[in-house]
Structure formats: structure tokens, C-alpha cells
Amino acid sequence: FVATISRNGITTYYGESVKGRFAISRDNAKNT
């Protein structure tokens, strides 16, 4: 596991090895 994001983008979790270095985000308008 690396990272996850909820449908509304409010909830995110990160794996311990990537915390502080990786960031997950979403643009629902771009379906990405």
C-alpha cells in the first residue's frame, strides 16, 4: 500500500515508508 483517497478527497492515508514524501490528490473534473 502506498496511498489512498476518498471519493470527496477529504480522507487520505499513506504508507509509513512514503509519509511526508508522497501526496495523493484527485481532480474529479478530469477523471484523474
ModelCIF file with pLDDT and N, C-alpha, C, O atoms, coordinates in Angstrom:
data_MODEL
#
_entry.id   MODEL 
#
_entity.id                         1 
_entity.type                       polymer 
_entity.pdbx_number_of_molecules   1 
#
_entity_poly.entity_id                      1 
_entity_poly.type                           'polypeptide(L)' 
_entity_poly.nstd_linkage                   no 
_entity_poly.nstd_monomer                   no 
_entity_poly.pdbx_seq_one_letter_code       FVATISRNGITTYYGESVKGRFAISRDNAKNT 
_entity_poly.pdbx_seq_one_letter_code_can   FVATISRNGITTYYGESVKGRFAISRDNAKNT 
_entity_poly.pdbx_strand_id                 A 
#
loop_
_entity_poly_seq.entity_id 
_entity_poly_seq.num 
_entity_poly_seq.mon_id 
_entity_poly_seq.hetero 
1 1  PHE n 
1 2  VAL n 
1 3  ALA n 
1 4  THR n 
1 5  ILE n 
1 6  SER n 
1 7  ARG n 
1 8  ASN n 
1 9  GLY n 
1 10 ILE n 
1 11 THR n 
1 12 THR n 
1 13 TYR n 
1 14 TYR n 
1 15 GLY n 
1 16 GLU n 
1 17 SER n 
1 18 VAL n 
1 19 LYS n 
1 20 GLY n 
1 21 ARG n 
1 22 PHE n 
1 23 ALA n 
1 24 ILE n 
1 25 SER n 
1 26 ARG n 
1 27 ASP n 
1 28 ASN n 
1 29 ALA n 
1 30 LYS n 
1 31 ASN n 
1 32 THR n 
#
_struct_asym.id          A 
_struct_asym.entity_id   1 
#
loop_
_ma_qa_metric.id 
_ma_qa_metric.mode 
_ma_qa_metric.name 
_ma_qa_metric.software_group_id 
_ma_qa_metric.type 
1 global pLDDT . pLDDT 
2 local  pLDDT . pLDDT 
#
_ma_qa_metric_global.metric_id      1 
_ma_qa_metric_global.metric_value   96.50 
_ma_qa_metric_global.model_id       1 
_ma_qa_metric_global.ordinal_id     1 
#
loop_
_ma_qa_metric_local.label_asym_id 
_ma_qa_metric_local.label_comp_id 
_ma_qa_metric_local.label_seq_id 
_ma_qa_metric_local.metric_id 
_ma_qa_metric_local.metric_value 
_ma_qa_metric_local.model_id 
_ma_qa_metric_local.ordinal_id 
A PHE 1  2 98.00 1 1  
A VAL 2  2 98.00 1 2  
A ALA 3  2 98.00 1 3  
A THR 4  2 98.00 1 4  
A ILE 5  2 97.00 1 5  
A SER 6  2 96.00 1 6  
A ARG 7  2 95.00 1 7  
A ASN 8  2 93.00 1 8  
A GLY 9  2 93.00 1 9  
A ILE 10 2 94.00 1 10 
A THR 11 2 96.00 1 11 
A THR 12 2 97.00 1 12 
A TYR 13 2 98.00 1 13 
A TYR 14 2 98.00 1 14 
A GLY 15 2 98.00 1 15 
A GLU 16 2 97.00 1 16 
A SER 17 2 97.00 1 17 
A VAL 18 2 98.00 1 18 
A LYS 19 2 98.00 1 19 
A GLY 20 2 97.00 1 20 
A ARG 21 2 98.00 1 21 
A PHE 22 2 98.00 1 22 
A ALA 23 2 98.00 1 23 
A ILE 24 2 98.00 1 24 
A SER 25 2 98.00 1 25 
A ARG 26 2 97.00 1 26 
A ASP 27 2 96.00 1 27 
A ASN 28 2 91.00 1 28 
A ALA 29 2 93.00 1 29 
A LYS 30 2 95.00 1 30 
A ASN 31 2 95.00 1 31 
A THR 32 2 97.00 1 32 
#
loop_
_atom_site.group_PDB 
_atom_site.id 
_atom_site.type_symbol 
_atom_site.label_atom_id 
_atom_site.label_alt_id 
_atom_site.label_comp_id 
_atom_site.label_asym_id 
_atom_site.label_entity_id 
_atom_site.label_seq_id 
_atom_site.pdbx_PDB_ins_code 
_atom_site.Cartn_x 
_atom_site.Cartn_y 
_atom_site.Cartn_z 
_atom_site.occupancy 
_atom_site.B_iso_or_equiv 
_atom_site.pdbx_formal_charge 
_atom_site.auth_seq_id 
_atom_site.auth_comp_id 
_atom_site.auth_asym_id 
_atom_site.auth_atom_id 
_atom_site.pdbx_PDB_model_num 
ATOM 1   N N  . PHE A 1 1  ? 0.834   -1.196 0.000   1.00 98.00 ? 1  PHE A N  1 
ATOM 2   C CA . PHE A 1 1  ? 0.000   0.000  0.000   1.00 98.00 ? 1  PHE A CA 1 
ATOM 3   C C  . PHE A 1 1  ? 0.874   1.253  0.000   1.00 98.00 ? 1  PHE A C  1 
ATOM 4   O O  . PHE A 1 1  ? 1.870   1.330  0.719   1.00 98.00 ? 1  PHE A O  1 
ATOM 5   N N  . VAL A 1 2  ? 0.482   2.238  -0.824  1.00 98.00 ? 2  VAL A N  1 
ATOM 6   C CA . VAL A 1 2  ? 1.218   3.498  -0.893  1.00 98.00 ? 2  VAL A CA 1 
ATOM 7   C C  . VAL A 1 2  ? 0.357   4.657  -0.391  1.00 98.00 ? 2  VAL A C  1 
ATOM 8   O O  . VAL A 1 2  ? 0.763   5.383  0.516   1.00 98.00 ? 2  VAL A O  1 
ATOM 9   N N  . ALA A 1 3  ? -0.841  4.836  -0.981  1.00 98.00 ? 3  ALA A N  1 
ATOM 10  C CA . ALA A 1 3  ? -1.689  5.971  -0.616  1.00 98.00 ? 3  ALA A CA 1 
ATOM 11  C C  . ALA A 1 3  ? -3.103  5.697  -1.087  1.00 98.00 ? 3  ALA A C  1 
ATOM 12  O O  . ALA A 1 3  ? -3.329  4.911  -2.008  1.00 98.00 ? 3  ALA A O  1 
ATOM 13  N N  . THR A 1 4  ? -4.055  6.363  -0.435  1.00 98.00 ? 4  THR A N  1 
ATOM 14  C CA . THR A 1 4  ? -5.446  6.235  -0.845  1.00 98.00 ? 4  THR A CA 1 
ATOM 15  C C  . THR A 1 4  ? -6.167  7.543  -0.596  1.00 98.00 ? 4  THR A C  1 
ATOM 16  O O  . THR A 1 4  ? -5.771  8.331  0.263   1.00 98.00 ? 4  THR A O  1 
ATOM 17  N N  . ILE A 1 5  ? -7.244  7.770  -1.364  1.00 97.00 ? 5  ILE A N  1 
ATOM 18  C CA . ILE A 1 5  ? -8.014  8.995  -1.236  1.00 97.00 ? 5  ILE A CA 1 
ATOM 19  C C  . ILE A 1 5  ? -9.492  8.673  -1.393  1.00 97.00 ? 5  ILE A C  1 
ATOM 20  O O  . ILE A 1 5  ? -9.881  7.868  -2.239  1.00 97.00 ? 5  ILE A O  1 
ATOM 21  N N  . SER A 1 6  ? -10.300 9.308  -0.570  1.00 96.00 ? 6  SER A N  1 
ATOM 22  C CA . SER A 1 6  ? -11.738 9.080  -0.621  1.00 96.00 ? 6  SER A CA 1 
ATOM 23  C C  . SER A 1 6  ? -12.361 9.764  -1.835  1.00 96.00 ? 6  SER A C  1 
ATOM 24  O O  . SER A 1 6  ? -11.718 10.554 -2.526  1.00 96.00 ? 6  SER A O  1 
ATOM 25  N N  . ARG A 1 7  ? -13.603 9.445  -2.069  1.00 95.00 ? 7  ARG A N  1 
ATOM 26  C CA . ARG A 1 7  ? -14.294 9.996  -3.231  1.00 95.00 ? 7  ARG A CA 1 
ATOM 27  C C  . ARG A 1 7  ? -14.316 11.519 -3.193  1.00 95.00 ? 7  ARG A C  1 
ATOM 28  O O  . ARG A 1 7  ? -14.141 12.175 -4.220  1.00 95.00 ? 7  ARG A O  1 
ATOM 29  N N  . ASN A 1 8  ? -14.533 12.079 -2.000  1.00 93.00 ? 8  ASN A N  1 
ATOM 30  C CA . ASN A 1 8  ? -14.622 13.538 -1.905  1.00 93.00 ? 8  ASN A CA 1 
ATOM 31  C C  . ASN A 1 8  ? -13.268 14.198 -1.669  1.00 93.00 ? 8  ASN A C  1 
ATOM 32  O O  . ASN A 1 8  ? -13.174 15.422 -1.571  1.00 93.00 ? 8  ASN A O  1 
ATOM 33  N N  . GLY A 1 9  ? -12.231 13.388 -1.580  1.00 93.00 ? 9  GLY A N  1 
ATOM 34  C CA . GLY A 1 9  ? -10.885 13.934 -1.437  1.00 93.00 ? 9  GLY A CA 1 
ATOM 35  C C  . GLY A 1 9  ? -10.510 14.349 -0.040  1.00 93.00 ? 9  GLY A C  1 
ATOM 36  O O  . GLY A 1 9  ? -9.388  14.801 0.184   1.00 93.00 ? 9  GLY A O  1 
ATOM 37  N N  . ILE A 1 10 ? -11.417 14.210 0.913   1.00 94.00 ? 10 ILE A N  1 
ATOM 38  C CA . ILE A 1 10 ? -11.147 14.679 2.277   1.00 94.00 ? 10 ILE A CA 1 
ATOM 39  C C  . ILE A 1 10 ? -10.280 13.692 3.048   1.00 94.00 ? 10 ILE A C  1 
ATOM 40  O O  . ILE A 1 10 ? -9.409  14.100 3.816   1.00 94.00 ? 10 ILE A O  1 
ATOM 41  N N  . THR A 1 11 ? -10.510 12.415 2.852   1.00 96.00 ? 11 THR A N  1 
ATOM 42  C CA . THR A 1 11 ? -9.776  11.390 3.602   1.00 96.00 ? 11 THR A CA 1 
ATOM 43  C C  . THR A 1 11 ? -8.621  10.872 2.764   1.00 96.00 ? 11 THR A C  1 
ATOM 44  O O  . THR A 1 11 ? -8.800  10.452 1.621   1.00 96.00 ? 11 THR A O  1 
ATOM 45  N N  . THR A 1 12 ? -7.421  10.911 3.358   1.00 97.00 ? 12 THR A N  1 
ATOM 46  C CA . THR A 1 12 ? -6.238  10.327 2.712   1.00 97.00 ? 12 THR A CA 1 
ATOM 47  C C  . THR A 1 12 ? -5.434  9.549  3.744   1.00 97.00 ? 12 THR A C  1 
ATOM 48  O O  . THR A 1 12 ? -5.382  9.928  4.914   1.00 97.00 ? 12 THR A O  1 
ATOM 49  N N  . TYR A 1 13 ? -4.808  8.465  3.309   1.00 98.00 ? 13 TYR A N  1 
ATOM 50  C CA . TYR A 1 13 ? -3.906  7.679  4.141   1.00 98.00 ? 13 TYR A CA 1 
ATOM 51  C C  . TYR A 1 13 ? -2.658  7.390  3.317   1.00 98.00 ? 13 TYR A C  1 
ATOM 52  O O  . TYR A 1 13 ? -2.700  7.321  2.088   1.00 98.00 ? 13 TYR A O  1 
ATOM 53  N N  . TYR A 1 14 ? -1.548  7.223  4.026   1.00 98.00 ? 14 TYR A N  1 
ATOM 54  C CA . TYR A 1 14 ? -0.280  6.945  3.376   1.00 98.00 ? 14 TYR A CA 1 
ATOM 55  C C  . TYR A 1 14 ? 0.430   5.795  4.056   1.00 98.00 ? 14 TYR A C  1 
ATOM 56  O O  . TYR A 1 14 ? 0.307   5.601  5.265   1.00 98.00 ? 14 TYR A O  1 
ATOM 57  N N  . GLY A 1 15 ? 1.174   5.035  3.272   1.00 98.00 ? 15 GLY A N  1 
ATOM 58  C CA . GLY A 1 15 ? 2.044   4.040  3.850   1.00 98.00 ? 15 GLY A CA 1 
ATOM 59  C C  . GLY A 1 15 ? 3.161   4.702  4.633   1.00 98.00 ? 15 GLY A C  1 
ATOM 60  O O  . GLY A 1 15 ? 3.572   5.818  4.315   1.00 98.00 ? 15 GLY A O  1 
ATOM 61  N N  . GLU A 1 16 ? 3.654   4.020  5.656   1.00 97.00 ? 16 GLU A N  1 
ATOM 62  C CA . GLU A 1 16 ? 4.668   4.599  6.533   1.00 97.00 ? 16 GLU A CA 1 
ATOM 63  C C  . GLU A 1 16 ? 5.922   5.000  5.763   1.00 97.00 ? 16 GLU A C  1 
ATOM 64  O O  . GLU A 1 16 ? 6.550   6.008  6.089   1.00 97.00 ? 16 GLU A O  1 
ATOM 65  N N  . SER A 1 17 ? 6.284   4.242  4.770   1.00 97.00 ? 17 SER A N  1 
ATOM 66  C CA . SER A 1 17 ? 7.541   4.486  4.069   1.00 97.00 ? 17 SER A CA 1 
ATOM 67  C C  . SER A 1 17 ? 7.479   5.694  3.133   1.00 97.00 ? 17 SER A C  1 
ATOM 68  O O  . SER A 1 17 ? 8.515   6.150  2.649   1.00 97.00 ? 17 SER A O  1 
ATOM 69  N N  . VAL A 1 18 ? 6.285   6.213  2.874   1.00 98.00 ? 18 VAL A N  1 
ATOM 70  C CA . VAL A 1 18 ? 6.174   7.331  1.948   1.00 98.00 ? 18 VAL A CA 1 
ATOM 71  C C  . VAL A 1 18 ? 5.608   8.589  2.601   1.00 98.00 ? 18 VAL A C  1 
ATOM 72  O O  . VAL A 1 18 ? 5.516   9.633  1.955   1.00 98.00 ? 18 VAL A O  1 
ATOM 73  N N  . LYS A 1 19 ? 5.239   8.500  3.841   1.00 98.00 ? 19 LYS A N  1 
ATOM 74  C CA . LYS A 1 19 ? 4.670   9.663  4.527   1.00 98.00 ? 19 LYS A CA 1 
ATOM 75  C C  . LYS A 1 19 ? 5.639   10.838 4.500   1.00 98.00 ? 19 LYS A C  1 
ATOM 76  O O  . LYS A 1 19 ? 6.834   10.689 4.755   1.00 98.00 ? 19 LYS A O  1 
ATOM 77  N N  . GLY A 1 20 ? 5.095   12.005 4.186   1.00 97.00 ? 20 GLY A N  1 
ATOM 78  C CA . GLY A 1 20 ? 5.913   13.206 4.131   1.00 97.00 ? 20 GLY A CA 1 
ATOM 79  C C  . GLY A 1 20 ? 6.639   13.402 2.815   1.00 97.00 ? 20 GLY A C  1 
ATOM 80  O O  . GLY A 1 20 ? 7.200   14.471 2.575   1.00 97.00 ? 20 GLY A O  1 
ATOM 81  N N  . ARG A 1 21 ? 6.641   12.378 1.947   1.00 98.00 ? 21 ARG A N  1 
ATOM 82  C CA . ARG A 1 21 ? 7.316   12.489 0.647   1.00 98.00 ? 21 ARG A CA 1 
ATOM 83  C C  . ARG A 1 21 ? 6.328   12.418 -0.518  1.00 98.00 ? 21 ARG A C  1 
ATOM 84  O O  . ARG A 1 21 ? 6.531   13.063 -1.546  1.00 98.00 ? 21 ARG A O  1 
ATOM 85  N N  . PHE A 1 22 ? 5.274   11.645 -0.360  1.00 98.00 ? 22 PHE A N  1 
ATOM 86  C CA . PHE A 1 22 ? 4.290   11.448 -1.427  1.00 98.00 ? 22 PHE A CA 1 
ATOM 87  C C  . PHE A 1 22 ? 2.995   12.164 -1.058  1.00 98.00 ? 22 PHE A C  1 
ATOM 88  O O  . PHE A 1 22 ? 2.677   12.342 0.118   1.00 98.00 ? 22 PHE A O  1 
ATOM 89  N N  . ALA A 1 23 ? 2.254   12.572 -2.090  1.00 98.00 ? 23 ALA A N  1 
ATOM 90  C CA . ALA A 1 23 ? 0.963   13.213 -1.870  1.00 98.00 ? 23 ALA A CA 1 
ATOM 91  C C  . ALA A 1 23 ? -0.023  12.733 -2.935  1.00 98.00 ? 23 ALA A C  1 
ATOM 92  O O  . ALA A 1 23 ? 0.262   12.778 -4.132  1.00 98.00 ? 23 ALA A O  1 
ATOM 93  N N  . ILE A 1 24 ? -1.175  12.278 -2.479  1.00 98.00 ? 24 ILE A N  1 
ATOM 94  C CA . ILE A 1 24 ? -2.222  11.835 -3.394  1.00 98.00 ? 24 ILE A CA 1 
ATOM 95  C C  . ILE A 1 24 ? -3.256  12.947 -3.511  1.00 98.00 ? 24 ILE A C  1 
ATOM 96  O O  . ILE A 1 24 ? -3.564  13.631 -2.534  1.00 98.00 ? 24 ILE A O  1 
ATOM 97  N N  . SER A 1 25 ? -3.783  13.119 -4.714  1.00 98.00 ? 25 SER A N  1 
ATOM 98  C CA . SER A 1 25 ? -4.815  14.119 -4.945  1.00 98.00 ? 25 SER A CA 1 
ATOM 99  C C  . SER A 1 25 ? -5.705  13.643 -6.094  1.00 98.00 ? 25 SER A C  1 
ATOM 100 O O  . SER A 1 25 ? -5.387  12.682 -6.794  1.00 98.00 ? 25 SER A O  1 
ATOM 101 N N  . ARG A 1 26 ? -6.804  14.330 -6.261  1.00 97.00 ? 26 ARG A N  1 
ATOM 102 C CA . ARG A 1 26 ? -7.697  13.938 -7.349  1.00 97.00 ? 26 ARG A CA 1 
ATOM 103 C C  . ARG A 1 26 ? -8.339  15.161 -7.968  1.00 97.00 ? 26 ARG A C  1 
ATOM 104 O O  . ARG A 1 26 ? -8.557  16.178 -7.309  1.00 97.00 ? 26 ARG A O  1 
ATOM 105 N N  . ASP A 1 27 ? -8.634  15.037 -9.244  1.00 96.00 ? 27 ASP A N  1 
ATOM 106 C CA . ASP A 1 27 ? -9.357  16.063 -9.979  1.00 96.00 ? 27 ASP A CA 1 
ATOM 107 C C  . ASP A 1 27 ? -10.531 15.339 -10.637 1.00 96.00 ? 27 ASP A C  1 
ATOM 108 O O  . ASP A 1 27 ? -10.390 14.770 -11.720 1.00 96.00 ? 27 ASP A O  1 
ATOM 109 N N  . ASN A 1 28 ? -11.669 15.364 -9.988  1.00 91.00 ? 28 ASN A N  1 
ATOM 110 C CA . ASN A 1 28 ? -12.809 14.606 -10.496 1.00 91.00 ? 28 ASN A CA 1 
ATOM 111 C C  . ASN A 1 28 ? -13.303 15.147 -11.837 1.00 91.00 ? 28 ASN A C  1 
ATOM 112 O O  . ASN A 1 28 ? -13.870 14.408 -12.643 1.00 91.00 ? 28 ASN A O  1 
ATOM 113 N N  . ALA A 1 29 ? -13.087 16.425 -12.066 1.00 93.00 ? 29 ALA A N  1 
ATOM 114 C CA . ALA A 1 29 ? -13.492 17.006 -13.349 1.00 93.00 ? 29 ALA A CA 1 
ATOM 115 C C  . ALA A 1 29 ? -12.679 16.424 -14.500 1.00 93.00 ? 29 ALA A C  1 
ATOM 116 O O  . ALA A 1 29 ? -13.159 16.338 -15.630 1.00 93.00 ? 29 ALA A O  1 
ATOM 117 N N  . LYS A 1 30 ? -11.431 16.021 -14.200 1.00 95.00 ? 30 LYS A N  1 
ATOM 118 C CA . LYS A 1 30 ? -10.567 15.419 -15.217 1.00 95.00 ? 30 LYS A CA 1 
ATOM 119 C C  . LYS A 1 30 ? -10.564 13.903 -15.132 1.00 95.00 ? 30 LYS A C  1 
ATOM 120 O O  . LYS A 1 30 ? -9.869  13.229 -15.892 1.00 95.00 ? 30 LYS A O  1 
ATOM 121 N N  . ASN A 1 31 ? -11.356 13.366 -14.189 1.00 95.00 ? 31 ASN A N  1 
ATOM 122 C CA . ASN A 1 31 ? -11.440 11.903 -14.053 1.00 95.00 ? 31 ASN A CA 1 
ATOM 123 C C  . ASN A 1 31 ? -10.069 11.288 -13.795 1.00 95.00 ? 31 ASN A C  1 
ATOM 124 O O  . ASN A 1 31 ? -9.739  10.229 -14.330 1.00 95.00 ? 31 ASN A O  1 
ATOM 125 N N  . THR A 1 32 ? -9.279  11.962 -12.973 1.00 97.00 ? 32 THR A N  1 
ATOM 126 C CA . THR A 1 32 ? -7.886  11.557 -12.774 1.00 97.00 ? 32 THR A CA 1 
ATOM 127 C C  . THR A 1 32 ? -7.493  11.690 -11.304 1.00 97.00 ? 32 THR A C  1 
ATOM 128 O O  . THR A 1 32 ? -6.355  11.395 -10.940 1.00 97.00 ? 32 THR A O  1 
#
